[in-house]
PDB file of N, CA and C in Angstrom:
ATOM      1  N   UNK A   1     -35.879  54.029 -65.094  1.00  0.00           N
ATOM      2  CA  UNK A   1     -34.413  53.998 -65.230  1.00  0.00           C
ATOM      3  C   UNK A   1     -34.159  53.723 -66.737  1.00  0.00           C
ATOM      4  N   UNK A   2     -34.835  52.920 -67.507  1.00  0.00           N
ATOM      5  CA  UNK A   2     -34.542  52.761 -68.888  1.00  0.00           C
ATOM      6  C   UNK A   2     -34.921  53.978 -69.739  1.00  0.00           C
ATOM      7  N   UNK A   3     -35.937  54.599 -69.424  1.00  0.00           N
ATOM      8  CA  UNK A   3     -36.425  55.939 -70.038  1.00  0.00           C
ATOM      9  C   UNK A   3     -35.381  56.909 -69.872  1.00  0.00           C
ATOM     10  N   UNK A   4     -34.875  57.127 -68.622  1.00  0.00           N
ATOM     11  CA  UNK A   4     -33.815  58.154 -68.341  1.00  0.00           C
ATOM     12  C   UNK A   4     -32.633  57.892 -69.325  1.00  0.00           C
ATOM     13  N   UNK A   5     -32.127  56.658 -69.400  1.00  0.00           N
ATOM     14  CA  UNK A   5     -31.117  56.209 -70.130  1.00  0.00           C
ATOM     15  C   UNK A   5     -31.287  56.605 -71.687  1.00  0.00           C
ATOM     16  N   UNK A   6     -32.526  56.423 -72.079  1.00  0.00           N
ATOM     17  CA  UNK A   6     -32.789  56.650 -73.600  1.00  0.00           C
ATOM     18  C   UNK A   6     -32.836  58.147 -73.744  1.00  0.00           C
ATOM     19  N   UNK A   7     -33.166  58.974 -72.873  1.00  0.00           N
ATOM     20  CA  UNK A   7     -33.278  60.379 -73.017  1.00  0.00           C
ATOM     21  C   UNK A   7     -31.693  60.956 -73.034  1.00  0.00           C
ATOM     22  N   UNK A   8     -30.941  60.447 -72.213  1.00  0.00           N
ATOM     23  CA  UNK A   8     -29.529  60.855 -72.103  1.00  0.00           C
ATOM     24  C   UNK A   8     -28.811  60.429 -73.480  1.00  0.00           C
ATOM     25  N   UNK A   9     -29.162  59.246 -73.875  1.00  0.00           N
ATOM     26  CA  UNK A   9     -28.580  58.639 -75.267  1.00  0.00           C
ATOM     27  C   UNK A   9     -29.022  59.603 -76.379  1.00  0.00           C
ATOM     28  N   UNK A  10     -30.283  59.946 -76.377  1.00  0.00           N
ATOM     29  CA  UNK A  10     -30.729  60.801 -77.520  1.00  0.00           C
ATOM     30  C   UNK A  10     -30.039  62.160 -77.509  1.00  0.00           C
ATOM     31  N   UNK A  11     -29.892  62.734 -76.339  1.00  0.00           N
ATOM     32  CA  UNK A  11     -29.245  64.048 -76.280  1.00  0.00           C
ATOM     33  C   UNK A  11     -27.767  63.994 -76.632  1.00  0.00           C
ATOM     34  N   UNK A  12     -27.162  62.904 -76.134  1.00  0.00           N
ATOM     35  CA  UNK A  12     -25.713  62.739 -76.531  1.00  0.00           C
ATOM     36  C   UNK A  12     -25.499  62.584 -77.957  1.00  0.00           C
ATOM     37  N   UNK A  13     -26.498  61.871 -78.559  1.00  0.00           N
ATOM     38  CA  UNK A  13     -26.359  61.693 -79.993  1.00  0.00           C
ATOM     39  C   UNK A  13     -26.622  62.974 -80.847  1.00  0.00           C
ATOM     40  N   UNK A  14     -27.500  63.780 -80.431  1.00  0.00           N
ATOM     41  CA  UNK A  14     -27.819  65.069 -81.112  1.00  0.00           C
ATOM     42  C   UNK A  14     -26.635  65.997 -80.835  1.00  0.00           C
ATOM     43  N   UNK A  15     -26.021  66.008 -79.736  1.00  0.00           N
ATOM     44  CA  UNK A  15     -24.916  66.884 -79.395  1.00  0.00           C
ATOM     45  C   UNK A  15     -23.750  66.369 -80.328  1.00  0.00           C
ATOM     46  N   UNK A  16     -23.546  65.176 -80.411  1.00  0.00           N
ATOM     47  CA  UNK A  16     -22.374  64.640 -81.269  1.00  0.00           C
ATOM     48  C   UNK A  16     -22.542  65.062 -82.690  1.00  0.00           C
ATOM     49  N   UNK A  17     -23.811  64.829 -83.208  1.00  0.00           N
ATOM     50  CA  UNK A  17     -24.132  65.186 -84.651  1.00  0.00           C
ATOM     51  C   UNK A  17     -23.898  66.658 -84.927  1.00  0.00           C
ATOM     52  N   UNK A  18     -24.457  67.489 -84.029  1.00  0.00           N
ATOM     53  CA  UNK A  18     -24.243  68.961 -84.330  1.00  0.00           C
ATOM     54  C   UNK A  18     -22.827  69.417 -84.135  1.00  0.00           C
ATOM     55  N   UNK A  19     -22.076  68.762 -83.163  1.00  0.00           N
ATOM     56  CA  UNK A  19     -20.718  69.109 -83.037  1.00  0.00           C
ATOM     57  C   UNK A  19     -19.908  68.683 -84.362  1.00  0.00           C
ATOM     58  N   UNK A  20     -20.154  67.523 -84.811  1.00  0.00           N
ATOM     59  CA  UNK A  20     -19.454  66.952 -86.076  1.00  0.00           C
ATOM     60  C   UNK A  20     -19.723  67.984 -87.138  1.00  0.00           C
ATOM     61  N   UNK A  21     -20.956  68.362 -87.319  1.00  0.00           N
ATOM     62  CA  UNK A  21     -21.444  69.029 -88.543  1.00  0.00           C
ATOM     63  C   UNK A  21     -20.755  70.416 -88.272  1.00  0.00           C
ATOM     64  N   UNK A  22     -20.806  71.106 -87.138  1.00  0.00           N
ATOM     65  CA  UNK A  22     -20.234  72.408 -86.770  1.00  0.00           C
ATOM     66  C   UNK A  22     -18.706  72.427 -87.121  1.00  0.00           C
ATOM     67  N   UNK A  23     -18.012  71.417 -86.696  1.00  0.00           N
ATOM     68  CA  UNK A  23     -16.601  71.337 -86.883  1.00  0.00           C
ATOM     69  C   UNK A  23     -16.303  71.229 -88.413  1.00  0.00           C
ATOM     70  N   UNK A  24     -16.943  70.469 -89.109  1.00  0.00           N
ATOM     71  CA  UNK A  24     -16.763  70.369 -90.517  1.00  0.00           C
ATOM     72  C   UNK A  24     -17.057  71.671 -91.223  1.00  0.00           C
ATOM     73  N   UNK A  25     -18.022  72.404 -90.752  1.00  0.00           N
ATOM     74  CA  UNK A  25     -18.356  73.757 -91.317  1.00  0.00           C
ATOM     75  C   UNK A  25     -17.230  74.727 -91.145  1.00  0.00           C
ATOM     76  N   UNK A  26     -16.640  74.677 -89.897  1.00  0.00           N
ATOM     77  CA  UNK A  26     -15.587  75.647 -89.510  1.00  0.00           C
ATOM     78  C   UNK A  26     -14.331  75.306 -90.438  1.00  0.00           C
ATOM     79  N   UNK A  27     -14.090  73.966 -90.606  1.00  0.00           N
ATOM     80  CA  UNK A  27     -12.994  73.599 -91.372  1.00  0.00           C
ATOM     81  C   UNK A  27     -13.097  73.937 -92.790  1.00  0.00           C
ATOM     82  N   UNK A  28     -14.275  73.735 -93.453  1.00  0.00           N
ATOM     83  CA  UNK A  28     -14.519  74.196 -94.724  1.00  0.00           C
ATOM     84  C   UNK A  28     -14.268  75.615 -94.946  1.00  0.00           C
ATOM     85  N   UNK A  29     -14.856  76.379 -94.000  1.00  0.00           N
ATOM     86  CA  UNK A  29     -14.729  77.865 -94.161  1.00  0.00           C
ATOM     87  C   UNK A  29     -13.290  78.337 -93.968  1.00  0.00           C
ATOM     88  N   UNK A  30     -12.576  77.688 -93.224  1.00  0.00           N
ATOM     89  CA  UNK A  30     -11.123  78.024 -93.016  1.00  0.00           C
ATOM     90  C   UNK A  30     -10.343  77.602 -94.314  1.00  0.00           C
ATOM     91  N   UNK A  31     -10.783  76.598 -94.980  1.00  0.00           N
ATOM     92  CA  UNK A  31      -9.967  76.187 -96.132  1.00  0.00           C
ATOM     93  C   UNK A  31     -10.378  77.038 -97.312  1.00  0.00           C
ATOM     94  N   UNK A  32     -11.525  77.627 -97.389  1.00  0.00           N
ATOM     95  CA  UNK A  32     -12.044  78.551 -98.544  1.00  0.00           C
ATOM     96  C   UNK A  32     -11.449  79.895 -98.233  1.00  0.00           C
ATOM     97  N   UNK A  33     -11.282  80.328 -97.113  1.00  0.00           N
ATOM     98  CA  UNK A  33     -10.756  81.704 -96.789  1.00  0.00           C
ATOM     99  C   UNK A  33     -12.099  82.608 -96.533  1.00  0.00           C
ATOM    100  N   UNK A  34     -11.717  83.693 -95.934  1.00  0.00           N
ATOM    101  CA  UNK A  34     -12.897  84.711 -95.623  1.00  0.00           C
ATOM    102  C   UNK A  34     -13.128  85.515 -96.873  1.00  0.00           C
ATOM    103  N   UNK A  35     -14.397  86.045 -96.807  1.00  0.00           N
ATOM    104  CA  UNK A  35     -14.815  86.958 -97.922  1.00  0.00           C
ATOM    105  C   UNK A  35     -14.794  88.335 -97.463  1.00  0.00           C
ATOM    106  N   UNK A  36     -14.944  89.331 -98.217  1.00  0.00           N
ATOM    107  CA  UNK A  36     -14.744  90.702 -97.996  1.00  0.00           C
ATOM    108  C   UNK A  36     -15.576  91.230 -96.797  1.00  0.00           C
ATOM    109  N   UNK A  37     -16.810  90.660 -96.577  1.00  0.00           N
ATOM    110  CA  UNK A  37     -17.623  91.054 -95.430  1.00  0.00           C
ATOM    111  C   UNK A  37     -17.070  90.796 -94.185  1.00  0.00           C
ATOM    112  N   UNK A  38     -16.427  89.551 -94.197  1.00  0.00           N
ATOM    113  CA  UNK A  38     -15.655  89.036 -92.992  1.00  0.00           C
ATOM    114  C   UNK A  38     -14.636  90.032 -92.507  1.00  0.00           C
ATOM    115  N   UNK A  39     -13.774  90.560 -93.548  1.00  0.00           N
ATOM    116  CA  UNK A  39     -12.778  91.624 -93.127  1.00  0.00           C
ATOM    117  C   UNK A  39     -13.342  92.848 -92.644  1.00  0.00           C
ATOM    118  N   UNK A  40     -14.577  93.245 -93.168  1.00  0.00           N
ATOM    119  CA  UNK A  40     -15.271  94.461 -92.594  1.00  0.00           C
ATOM    120  C   UNK A  40     -15.602  94.203 -91.230  1.00  0.00           C
ATOM    121  N   UNK A  41     -16.211  93.079 -90.815  1.00  0.00           N
ATOM    122  CA  UNK A  41     -16.615  92.837 -89.475  1.00  0.00           C
ATOM    123  C   UNK A  41     -15.450  92.734 -88.549  1.00  0.00           C
ATOM    124  N   UNK A  42     -14.209  92.207 -89.133  1.00  0.00           N
ATOM    125  CA  UNK A  42     -13.129  92.006 -88.255  1.00  0.00           C
ATOM    126  C   UNK A  42     -12.474  93.341 -87.994  1.00  0.00           C
ATOM    127  N   UNK A  43     -12.444  94.238 -89.065  1.00  0.00           N
ATOM    128  CA  UNK A  43     -11.974  95.574 -88.864  1.00  0.00           C
ATOM    129  C   UNK A  43     -12.751  96.362 -87.828  1.00  0.00           C
ATOM    130  N   UNK A  44     -14.124  96.277 -87.923  1.00  0.00           N
ATOM    131  CA  UNK A  44     -14.884  96.911 -86.955  1.00  0.00           C
ATOM    132  C   UNK A  44     -14.834  96.405 -85.562  1.00  0.00           C
ATOM    133  N   UNK A  45     -14.552  95.116 -85.418  1.00  0.00           N
ATOM    134  CA  UNK A  45     -14.355  94.601 -84.056  1.00  0.00           C
ATOM    135  C   UNK A  45     -12.948  94.938 -83.482  1.00  0.00           C
ATOM    136  N   UNK A  46     -12.032  95.118 -84.303  1.00  0.00           N
ATOM    137  CA  UNK A  46     -10.740  95.592 -83.857  1.00  0.00           C
ATOM    138  C   UNK A  46     -10.829  97.086 -83.449  1.00  0.00           C
ATOM    139  N   UNK A  47     -11.583  97.913 -84.138  1.00  0.00           N
ATOM    140  CA  UNK A  47     -11.941  99.253 -83.774  1.00  0.00           C
ATOM    141  C   UNK A  47     -12.712  99.241 -82.508  1.00  0.00           C
ATOM    142  N   UNK A  48     -13.657  98.485 -82.226  1.00  0.00           N
ATOM    143  CA  UNK A  48     -14.396  98.533 -80.994  1.00  0.00           C
ATOM    144  C   UNK A  48     -13.480  97.985 -79.760  1.00  0.00           C
ATOM    145  N   UNK A  49     -12.522  97.152 -80.167  1.00  0.00           N
ATOM    146  CA  UNK A  49     -11.750  96.612 -79.121  1.00  0.00           C
ATOM    147  C   UNK A  49     -10.467  97.650 -78.857  1.00  0.00           C
ATOM    148  N   UNK A  50     -10.447  98.689 -79.483  1.00  0.00           N
ATOM    149  CA  UNK A  50      -9.412  99.702 -79.272  1.00  0.00           C
ATOM    150  C   UNK A  50      -8.097  99.449 -79.971  1.00  0.00           C
ATOM    151  N   UNK A  51      -8.150  98.509 -80.835  1.00  0.00           N
ATOM    152  CA  UNK A  51      -6.963  98.054 -81.630  1.00  0.00           C
ATOM    153  C   UNK A  51      -7.088  98.329 -83.166  1.00  0.00           C
ATOM    154  N   UNK A  52      -7.730  99.390 -83.450  1.00  0.00           N
ATOM    155  CA  UNK A  52      -8.016  99.797 -84.944  1.00  0.00           C
ATOM    156  C   UNK A  52      -6.908  99.835 -85.751  1.00  0.00           C
ATOM    157  N   UNK A  53      -7.141  99.519 -87.041  1.00  0.00           N
ATOM    158  CA  UNK A  53      -6.169  99.436 -88.125  1.00  0.00           C
ATOM    159  C   UNK A  53      -6.323 100.610 -89.050  1.00  0.00           C
ATOM    160  N   UNK A  54      -7.164 101.500 -88.819  1.00  0.00           N
ATOM    161  CA  UNK A  54      -7.382 102.632 -89.740  1.00  0.00           C
ATOM    162  C   UNK A  54      -8.424 102.343 -90.836  1.00  0.00           C
ATOM    163  N   UNK A  55      -9.080 101.267 -90.792  1.00  0.00           N
ATOM    164  CA  UNK A  55     -10.194 100.957 -91.827  1.00  0.00           C
ATOM    165  C   UNK A  55     -11.401 100.486 -90.928  1.00  0.00           C
ATOM    166  N   UNK A  56     -12.531 100.985 -91.231  1.00  0.00           N
ATOM    167  CA  UNK A  56     -13.786 100.538 -90.565  1.00  0.00           C
ATOM    168  C   UNK A  56     -14.955 100.858 -91.589  1.00  0.00           C
ATOM    169  N   UNK A  57     -15.973  99.943 -91.494  1.00  0.00           N
ATOM    170  CA  UNK A  57     -17.249 100.194 -92.137  1.00  0.00           C
ATOM    171  C   UNK A  57     -18.316 100.166 -91.001  1.00  0.00           C
ATOM    172  N   UNK A  58     -18.527 101.333 -90.459  1.00  0.00           N
ATOM    173  CA  UNK A  58     -19.548 101.389 -89.233  1.00  0.00           C
ATOM    174  C   UNK A  58     -20.949 101.384 -89.714  1.00  0.00           C
ATOM    175  N   UNK A  59     -21.211 101.226 -91.101  1.00  0.00           N
ATOM    176  CA  UNK A  59     -22.634 101.182 -91.494  1.00  0.00           C
ATOM    177  C   UNK A  59     -23.126  99.769 -91.366  1.00  0.00           C
ATOM    178  N   UNK A  60     -22.266  98.825 -91.125  1.00  0.00           N
ATOM    179  CA  UNK A  60     -22.656  97.337 -90.937  1.00  0.00           C
ATOM    180  C   UNK A  60     -23.305  97.314 -89.573  1.00  0.00           C
ATOM    181  N   UNK A  61     -24.170  96.156 -89.523  1.00  0.00           N
ATOM    182  CA  UNK A  61     -24.752  95.873 -88.169  1.00  0.00           C
ATOM    183  C   UNK A  61     -23.713  95.724 -87.082  1.00  0.00           C
ATOM    184  N   UNK A  62     -23.755  96.224 -85.904  1.00  0.00           N
ATOM    185  CA  UNK A  62     -22.710  96.161 -84.946  1.00  0.00           C
ATOM    186  C   UNK A  62     -22.672  94.924 -84.049  1.00  0.00           C
ATOM    187  N   UNK A  63     -23.679  94.224 -83.979  1.00  0.00           N
ATOM    188  CA  UNK A  63     -23.710  93.117 -82.891  1.00  0.00           C
ATOM    189  C   UNK A  63     -22.648  92.186 -83.043  1.00  0.00           C
ATOM    190  N   UNK A  64     -22.323  91.558 -84.236  1.00  0.00           N
ATOM    191  CA  UNK A  64     -21.352  90.587 -84.406  1.00  0.00           C
ATOM    192  C   UNK A  64     -19.941  91.262 -84.063  1.00  0.00           C
ATOM    193  N   UNK A  65     -19.715  92.497 -84.577  1.00  0.00           N
ATOM    194  CA  UNK A  65     -18.463  93.086 -84.287  1.00  0.00           C
ATOM    195  C   UNK A  65     -18.169  93.355 -82.775  1.00  0.00           C
ATOM    196  N   UNK A  66     -19.382  93.803 -82.054  1.00  0.00           N
ATOM    197  CA  UNK A  66     -19.161  93.866 -80.765  1.00  0.00           C
ATOM    198  C   UNK A  66     -18.862  92.652 -79.851  1.00  0.00           C
ATOM    199  N   UNK A  67     -19.544  91.543 -80.239  1.00  0.00           N
ATOM    200  CA  UNK A  67     -19.258  90.229 -79.701  1.00  0.00           C
ATOM    201  C   UNK A  67     -17.758  89.817 -80.004  1.00  0.00           C
ATOM    202  N   UNK A  68     -17.382  90.112 -81.158  1.00  0.00           N
ATOM    203  CA  UNK A  68     -15.944  89.744 -81.643  1.00  0.00           C
ATOM    204  C   UNK A  68     -14.914  90.554 -80.907  1.00  0.00           C
ATOM    205  N   UNK A  69     -15.327  91.850 -80.660  1.00  0.00           N
ATOM    206  CA  UNK A  69     -14.403  92.703 -79.965  1.00  0.00           C
ATOM    207  C   UNK A  69     -14.078  92.092 -78.571  1.00  0.00           C
ATOM    208  N   UNK A  70     -14.937  91.540 -77.981  1.00  0.00           N
ATOM    209  CA  UNK A  70     -14.788  90.887 -76.647  1.00  0.00           C
ATOM    210  C   UNK A  70     -13.651  89.870 -76.716  1.00  0.00           C
ATOM    211  N   UNK A  71     -13.759  89.048 -77.819  1.00  0.00           N
ATOM    212  CA  UNK A  71     -12.698  88.027 -77.992  1.00  0.00           C
ATOM    213  C   UNK A  71     -11.400  88.550 -78.297  1.00  0.00           C
ATOM    214  N   UNK A  72     -11.298  89.771 -79.001  1.00  0.00           N
ATOM    215  CA  UNK A  72     -10.031  90.448 -79.236  1.00  0.00           C
ATOM    216  C   UNK A  72      -9.490  91.047 -78.069  1.00  0.00           C
ATOM    217  N   UNK A  73     -10.279  91.623 -77.186  1.00  0.00           N
ATOM    218  CA  UNK A  73      -9.839  92.208 -75.953  1.00  0.00           C
ATOM    219  C   UNK A  73      -9.288  91.113 -75.046  1.00  0.00           C
ATOM    220  N   UNK A  74      -9.742  89.829 -75.155  1.00  0.00           N
ATOM    221  CA  UNK A  74      -9.228  88.808 -74.380  1.00  0.00           C
ATOM    222  C   UNK A  74      -7.836  88.366 -74.937  1.00  0.00           C
ATOM    223  N   UNK A  75      -7.400  88.801 -76.084  1.00  0.00           N
ATOM    224  CA  UNK A  75      -6.094  88.559 -76.585  1.00  0.00           C
ATOM    225  C   UNK A  75      -6.137  87.609 -77.825  1.00  0.00           C
ATOM    226  N   UNK A  76      -7.076  86.965 -78.145  1.00  0.00           N
ATOM    227  CA  UNK A  76      -7.160  86.208 -79.340  1.00  0.00           C
ATOM    228  C   UNK A  76      -7.489  86.889 -80.480  1.00  0.00           C
ATOM    229  N   UNK A  77      -6.468  87.558 -81.272  1.00  0.00           N
ATOM    230  CA  UNK A  77      -6.796  88.403 -82.452  1.00  0.00           C
ATOM    231  C   UNK A  77      -6.237  87.515 -83.687  1.00  0.00           C
ATOM    232  N   UNK A  78      -7.315  86.956 -84.291  1.00  0.00           N
ATOM    233  CA  UNK A  78      -7.013  86.039 -85.609  1.00  0.00           C
ATOM    234  C   UNK A  78      -8.331  86.093 -86.235  1.00  0.00           C
ATOM    235  N   UNK A  79      -8.229  85.865 -87.673  1.00  0.00           N
ATOM    236  CA  UNK A  79      -9.397  85.880 -88.468  1.00  0.00           C
ATOM    237  C   UNK A  79     -10.263  84.724 -88.245  1.00  0.00           C
ATOM    238  N   UNK A  80      -9.765  83.648 -87.665  1.00  0.00           N
ATOM    239  CA  UNK A  80     -10.608  82.370 -87.399  1.00  0.00           C
ATOM    240  C   UNK A  80     -11.604  82.750 -86.213  1.00  0.00           C
ATOM    241  N   UNK A  81     -11.381  83.789 -85.516  1.00  0.00           N
ATOM    242  CA  UNK A  81     -12.173  83.969 -84.322  1.00  0.00           C
ATOM    243  C   UNK A  81     -13.614  84.213 -84.689  1.00  0.00           C
ATOM    244  N   UNK A  82     -13.825  84.883 -85.868  1.00  0.00           N
ATOM    245  CA  UNK A  82     -15.214  85.005 -86.300  1.00  0.00           C
ATOM    246  C   UNK A  82     -15.911  83.664 -86.709  1.00  0.00           C
ATOM    247  N   UNK A  83     -15.215  82.806 -87.196  1.00  0.00           N
ATOM    248  CA  UNK A  83     -15.793  81.469 -87.494  1.00  0.00           C
ATOM    249  C   UNK A  83     -16.311  80.787 -86.156  1.00  0.00           C
ATOM    250  N   UNK A  84     -15.343  80.905 -85.301  1.00  0.00           N
ATOM    251  CA  UNK A  84     -15.800  80.275 -83.894  1.00  0.00           C
ATOM    252  C   UNK A  84     -16.904  80.923 -83.181  1.00  0.00           C
ATOM    253  N   UNK A  85     -16.972  82.277 -83.397  1.00  0.00           N
ATOM    254  CA  UNK A  85     -18.090  82.985 -82.748  1.00  0.00           C
ATOM    255  C   UNK A  85     -19.376  82.696 -83.444  1.00  0.00           C
ATOM    256  N   UNK A  86     -19.443  82.500 -84.748  1.00  0.00           N
ATOM    257  CA  UNK A  86     -20.699  82.194 -85.513  1.00  0.00           C
ATOM    258  C   UNK A  86     -20.984  80.795 -85.483  1.00  0.00           C
ATOM    259  N   UNK A  87     -20.226  79.917 -85.027  1.00  0.00           N
ATOM    260  CA  UNK A  87     -20.499  78.448 -84.972  1.00  0.00           C
ATOM    261  C   UNK A  87     -21.559  78.310 -83.928  1.00  0.00           C
TER     262      UNK A  87
END
């Protein structure tokens, strides 16, 4: 019983630490603003979601843009979506 409680306590502590660090990372990135690569991935994701803006850089790796396009198709179209996805 005591060993099971210690395992749960350790897992909860690790989850809490990772969550705090992750949230601080997202807040820092949102305060500094996106870089140019971010806009290229966002533009590609909009294109893949069928909401293109007329600009795309299809020579970039498509995996991040494809995953992000799913979020855009769900209705959440905002530049912060890429930070939440990579968190």
